[in-house]
Amino acid sequence: MAIKTTRWDSAKHLQTEDDIKFYLEACLEEAGDDPAFIVHALGVVARAKNMSQLARDTGLTREGLYKALSPEGNPTFSTVAKVAKALSYQLTVQPTP
């Protein structure tokens, strides 16, 4: 008997603001020198929160956001900053320990 599997989707498991906060913190810690990993994490959160509302909040199209936050996307820093702000997060820089 074959086992039926489904593709894992982290967005389905981000139910609360704390879930999202801890998910982003873990992704930032895990990303290392891979900015695409952080962009992917923002995309997952965007899907969990409502991509259509995020598009309205950022002034970007929904399709443009999907494309920019996809694994093949290469968003500008401006887009990343708009997405973070619309998700109620701010980007900060601090010295490494």
N, C-alpha and C. Protein backbone atom coordinates (compact mmCIF):
# COMPACT_ATOMS: atom_id res chain seq x y z
N MET A 1 0.83 -1.17 0.00
CA MET A 1 0.00 0.00 0.00
C MET A 1 0.88 1.25 0.00
N ALA A 2 0.65 2.12 -0.93
CA ALA A 2 1.47 3.32 -1.07
C ALA A 2 1.07 4.36 -0.03
N ILE A 3 2.06 5.08 0.44
CA ILE A 3 1.82 6.16 1.40
C ILE A 3 1.64 7.45 0.61
N LYS A 4 0.57 8.15 0.92
CA LYS A 4 0.32 9.42 0.25
C LYS A 4 0.96 10.54 1.07
N THR A 5 1.75 11.34 0.41
CA THR A 5 2.41 12.46 1.09
C THR A 5 1.97 13.78 0.45
N THR A 6 2.13 14.83 1.19
CA THR A 6 1.84 16.17 0.66
C THR A 6 3.06 17.05 0.89
N ARG A 7 3.16 18.08 0.10
CA ARG A 7 4.28 19.00 0.20
C ARG A 7 4.12 19.84 1.47
N TRP A 8 5.21 20.01 2.23
CA TRP A 8 5.20 20.81 3.44
C TRP A 8 5.06 22.28 3.07
N ASP A 9 4.20 22.99 3.77
CA ASP A 9 4.02 24.42 3.55
C ASP A 9 4.05 25.11 4.91
N SER A 10 5.17 25.75 5.21
CA SER A 10 5.32 26.43 6.50
C SER A 10 4.25 27.48 6.73
N ALA A 11 3.77 28.11 5.67
CA ALA A 11 2.76 29.18 5.81
C ALA A 11 1.50 28.67 6.51
N LYS A 12 1.17 27.41 6.31
CA LYS A 12 -0.04 26.85 6.93
C LYS A 12 0.10 26.71 8.44
N HIS A 13 1.33 26.78 8.94
CA HIS A 13 1.58 26.57 10.36
C HIS A 13 1.88 27.86 11.10
N LEU A 14 1.83 28.97 10.41
CA LEU A 14 2.07 30.27 11.04
C LEU A 14 0.71 30.88 11.38
N GLN A 15 0.20 30.51 12.53
CA GLN A 15 -1.16 30.89 12.93
C GLN A 15 -1.21 32.17 13.74
N THR A 16 -0.18 32.45 14.53
CA THR A 16 -0.20 33.60 15.43
C THR A 16 0.99 34.52 15.14
N GLU A 17 0.94 35.72 15.71
CA GLU A 17 2.06 36.65 15.56
C GLU A 17 3.33 36.08 16.19
N ASP A 18 3.19 35.35 17.29
CA ASP A 18 4.36 34.72 17.90
C ASP A 18 4.95 33.65 16.98
N ASP A 19 4.08 32.85 16.34
CA ASP A 19 4.57 31.85 15.38
C ASP A 19 5.42 32.53 14.31
N ILE A 20 4.92 33.64 13.79
CA ILE A 20 5.62 34.37 12.73
C ILE A 20 6.94 34.94 13.24
N LYS A 21 6.89 35.54 14.41
CA LYS A 21 8.11 36.12 14.99
C LYS A 21 9.20 35.06 15.18
N PHE A 22 8.82 33.93 15.78
CA PHE A 22 9.81 32.88 16.02
C PHE A 22 10.30 32.26 14.72
N TYR A 23 9.42 32.14 13.75
CA TYR A 23 9.81 31.61 12.44
C TYR A 23 10.84 32.53 11.78
N LEU A 24 10.56 33.83 11.77
CA LEU A 24 11.50 34.77 11.15
C LEU A 24 12.83 34.80 11.90
N GLU A 25 12.78 34.77 13.22
CA GLU A 25 14.02 34.75 14.00
C GLU A 25 14.85 33.51 13.66
N ALA A 26 14.20 32.35 13.58
CA ALA A 26 14.91 31.11 13.25
C ALA A 26 15.49 31.18 11.84
N CYS A 27 14.73 31.73 10.90
CA CYS A 27 15.22 31.84 9.53
C CYS A 27 16.41 32.80 9.43
N LEU A 28 16.34 33.91 10.14
CA LEU A 28 17.45 34.86 10.13
C LEU A 28 18.71 34.22 10.72
N GLU A 29 18.53 33.43 11.76
CA GLU A 29 19.66 32.76 12.39
C GLU A 29 20.25 31.70 11.46
N GLU A 30 19.38 30.98 10.77
CA GLU A 30 19.80 29.89 9.90
C GLU A 30 20.37 30.37 8.56
N ALA A 31 19.95 31.55 8.11
CA ALA A 31 20.29 32.03 6.77
C ALA A 31 21.77 32.19 6.52
N GLY A 32 22.52 32.57 7.53
CA GLY A 32 23.95 32.80 7.32
C GLY A 32 24.17 33.88 6.28
N ASP A 33 24.90 33.57 5.23
CA ASP A 33 25.20 34.53 4.17
C ASP A 33 24.26 34.38 2.97
N ASP A 34 23.09 33.81 3.18
CA ASP A 34 22.17 33.55 2.08
C ASP A 34 20.96 34.48 2.14
N PRO A 35 21.02 35.63 1.46
CA PRO A 35 19.89 36.55 1.50
C PRO A 35 18.62 35.97 0.87
N ALA A 36 18.76 35.03 -0.05
CA ALA A 36 17.59 34.40 -0.68
C ALA A 36 16.77 33.63 0.36
N PHE A 37 17.43 33.10 1.36
CA PHE A 37 16.74 32.37 2.42
C PHE A 37 15.83 33.32 3.19
N ILE A 38 16.31 34.53 3.45
CA ILE A 38 15.52 35.53 4.17
C ILE A 38 14.35 35.99 3.31
N VAL A 39 14.59 36.20 2.03
CA VAL A 39 13.51 36.59 1.12
C VAL A 39 12.46 35.49 1.06
N HIS A 40 12.89 34.26 1.02
CA HIS A 40 11.95 33.14 1.03
C HIS A 40 11.11 33.16 2.31
N ALA A 41 11.74 33.40 3.44
CA ALA A 41 11.02 33.45 4.72
C ALA A 41 9.97 34.56 4.70
N LEU A 42 10.32 35.71 4.16
CA LEU A 42 9.35 36.80 4.04
C LEU A 42 8.18 36.39 3.14
N GLY A 43 8.49 35.64 2.09
CA GLY A 43 7.44 35.15 1.20
C GLY A 43 6.50 34.19 1.90
N VAL A 44 7.05 33.33 2.73
CA VAL A 44 6.22 32.39 3.50
C VAL A 44 5.30 33.15 4.44
N VAL A 45 5.85 34.15 5.12
CA VAL A 45 5.04 34.95 6.05
C VAL A 45 3.99 35.73 5.27
N ALA A 46 4.36 36.25 4.12
CA ALA A 46 3.41 37.00 3.30
C ALA A 46 2.23 36.12 2.90
N ARG A 47 2.51 34.87 2.52
CA ARG A 47 1.43 33.95 2.16
C ARG A 47 0.57 33.62 3.38
N ALA A 48 1.19 33.50 4.54
CA ALA A 48 0.44 33.19 5.76
C ALA A 48 -0.46 34.35 6.17
N LYS A 49 -0.02 35.57 5.92
CA LYS A 49 -0.76 36.75 6.36
C LYS A 49 -1.84 37.18 5.38
N ASN A 50 -1.64 37.02 4.11
CA ASN A 50 -2.59 37.40 3.05
C ASN A 50 -1.86 38.24 2.01
N MET A 51 -1.47 37.60 0.96
CA MET A 51 -0.67 38.25 -0.08
C MET A 51 -1.42 39.42 -0.72
N SER A 52 -2.72 39.29 -0.88
CA SER A 52 -3.50 40.38 -1.50
C SER A 52 -3.47 41.64 -0.64
N GLN A 53 -3.63 41.47 0.67
CA GLN A 53 -3.58 42.62 1.57
C GLN A 53 -2.18 43.21 1.59
N LEU A 54 -1.19 42.36 1.57
CA LEU A 54 0.20 42.83 1.54
C LEU A 54 0.46 43.65 0.28
N ALA A 55 -0.08 43.20 -0.83
CA ALA A 55 0.09 43.95 -2.09
C ALA A 55 -0.50 45.35 -1.94
N ARG A 56 -1.68 45.44 -1.36
CA ARG A 56 -2.30 46.75 -1.15
C ARG A 56 -1.45 47.61 -0.22
N ASP A 57 -0.93 47.00 0.85
CA ASP A 57 -0.15 47.74 1.84
C ASP A 57 1.20 48.22 1.30
N THR A 58 1.77 47.47 0.37
CA THR A 58 3.08 47.85 -0.19
C THR A 58 2.97 48.69 -1.45
N GLY A 59 1.79 48.69 -2.08
CA GLY A 59 1.63 49.40 -3.34
C GLY A 59 2.19 48.62 -4.52
N LEU A 60 2.48 47.34 -4.31
CA LEU A 60 2.98 46.47 -5.37
C LEU A 60 1.86 45.54 -5.80
N THR A 61 2.00 44.93 -6.97
CA THR A 61 0.98 43.98 -7.40
C THR A 61 1.18 42.65 -6.69
N ARG A 62 0.09 41.92 -6.55
CA ARG A 62 0.16 40.60 -5.94
C ARG A 62 1.08 39.69 -6.74
N GLU A 63 0.93 39.73 -8.06
CA GLU A 63 1.77 38.90 -8.92
C GLU A 63 3.25 39.29 -8.79
N GLY A 64 3.49 40.61 -8.70
CA GLY A 64 4.86 41.09 -8.53
C GLY A 64 5.47 40.62 -7.22
N LEU A 65 4.66 40.60 -6.17
CA LEU A 65 5.15 40.11 -4.89
C LEU A 65 5.47 38.62 -4.94
N TYR A 66 4.55 37.85 -5.53
CA TYR A 66 4.81 36.41 -5.67
C TYR A 66 6.12 36.18 -6.42
N LYS A 67 6.31 36.93 -7.49
CA LYS A 67 7.52 36.76 -8.29
C LYS A 67 8.76 37.19 -7.50
N ALA A 68 8.70 38.35 -6.84
CA ALA A 68 9.86 38.85 -6.10
C ALA A 68 10.23 37.95 -4.94
N LEU A 69 9.24 37.36 -4.28
CA LEU A 69 9.49 36.55 -3.09
C LEU A 69 9.60 35.06 -3.39
N SER A 70 9.60 34.71 -4.67
CA SER A 70 9.74 33.31 -5.06
C SER A 70 11.23 32.91 -5.01
N PRO A 71 11.50 31.61 -5.05
CA PRO A 71 12.90 31.17 -5.04
C PRO A 71 13.71 31.73 -6.22
N GLU A 72 13.04 32.00 -7.35
CA GLU A 72 13.73 32.55 -8.51
C GLU A 72 13.77 34.08 -8.48
N GLY A 73 13.07 34.68 -7.54
CA GLY A 73 12.98 36.14 -7.47
C GLY A 73 14.29 36.76 -7.02
N ASN A 74 14.44 38.02 -7.35
CA ASN A 74 15.61 38.78 -6.93
C ASN A 74 15.13 40.19 -6.61
N PRO A 75 14.42 40.33 -5.46
CA PRO A 75 13.80 41.62 -5.16
C PRO A 75 14.84 42.69 -4.82
N THR A 76 14.46 43.92 -5.06
CA THR A 76 15.33 45.03 -4.66
C THR A 76 15.24 45.17 -3.15
N PHE A 77 16.20 45.88 -2.59
CA PHE A 77 16.17 46.14 -1.16
C PHE A 77 14.92 46.92 -0.80
N SER A 78 14.52 47.81 -1.68
CA SER A 78 13.31 48.61 -1.47
C SER A 78 12.09 47.71 -1.32
N THR A 79 11.97 46.69 -2.15
CA THR A 79 10.85 45.77 -2.06
C THR A 79 10.89 45.00 -0.74
N VAL A 80 12.06 44.52 -0.36
CA VAL A 80 12.20 43.79 0.90
C VAL A 80 11.80 44.69 2.07
N ALA A 81 12.26 45.94 2.04
CA ALA A 81 11.93 46.88 3.12
C ALA A 81 10.43 47.16 3.16
N LYS A 82 9.79 47.32 2.01
CA LYS A 82 8.35 47.56 1.97
C LYS A 82 7.58 46.37 2.52
N VAL A 83 8.01 45.18 2.16
CA VAL A 83 7.34 43.96 2.63
C VAL A 83 7.49 43.85 4.15
N ALA A 84 8.71 44.04 4.65
CA ALA A 84 8.93 43.96 6.09
C ALA A 84 8.07 44.98 6.83
N LYS A 85 8.03 46.20 6.33
CA LYS A 85 7.24 47.25 6.98
C LYS A 85 5.75 46.90 6.94
N ALA A 86 5.26 46.41 5.83
CA ALA A 86 3.85 46.04 5.71
C ALA A 86 3.49 44.87 6.62
N LEU A 87 4.46 44.04 6.94
CA LEU A 87 4.25 42.92 7.85
C LEU A 87 4.46 43.34 9.31
N SER A 88 4.68 44.65 9.53
CA SER A 88 4.90 45.22 10.86
C SER A 88 6.24 44.83 11.47
N TYR A 89 7.24 44.70 10.61
CA TYR A 89 8.61 44.45 11.06
C TYR A 89 9.50 45.56 10.53
N GLN A 90 10.60 45.80 11.22
CA GLN A 90 11.57 46.76 10.75
C GLN A 90 12.91 46.07 10.57
N LEU A 91 13.63 46.49 9.57
CA LEU A 91 14.96 45.94 9.31
C LEU A 91 15.95 46.73 10.15
N THR A 92 16.85 46.04 10.82
CA THR A 92 17.86 46.71 11.62
C THR A 92 19.23 46.11 11.30
N VAL A 93 20.25 46.88 11.63
CA VAL A 93 21.62 46.43 11.46
C VAL A 93 22.30 46.56 12.81
N GLN A 94 23.06 45.53 13.16
CA GLN A 94 23.80 45.57 14.42
C GLN A 94 25.14 44.88 14.21
N PRO A 95 26.12 45.26 15.02
CA PRO A 95 27.44 44.64 14.87
C PRO A 95 27.38 43.15 15.21
N THR A 96 28.20 42.39 14.53
CA THR A 96 28.26 40.95 14.83
C THR A 96 29.10 40.76 16.10
N PRO A 97 28.77 39.74 16.87
CA PRO A 97 29.54 39.51 18.12
C PRO A 97 30.93 39.02 17.84
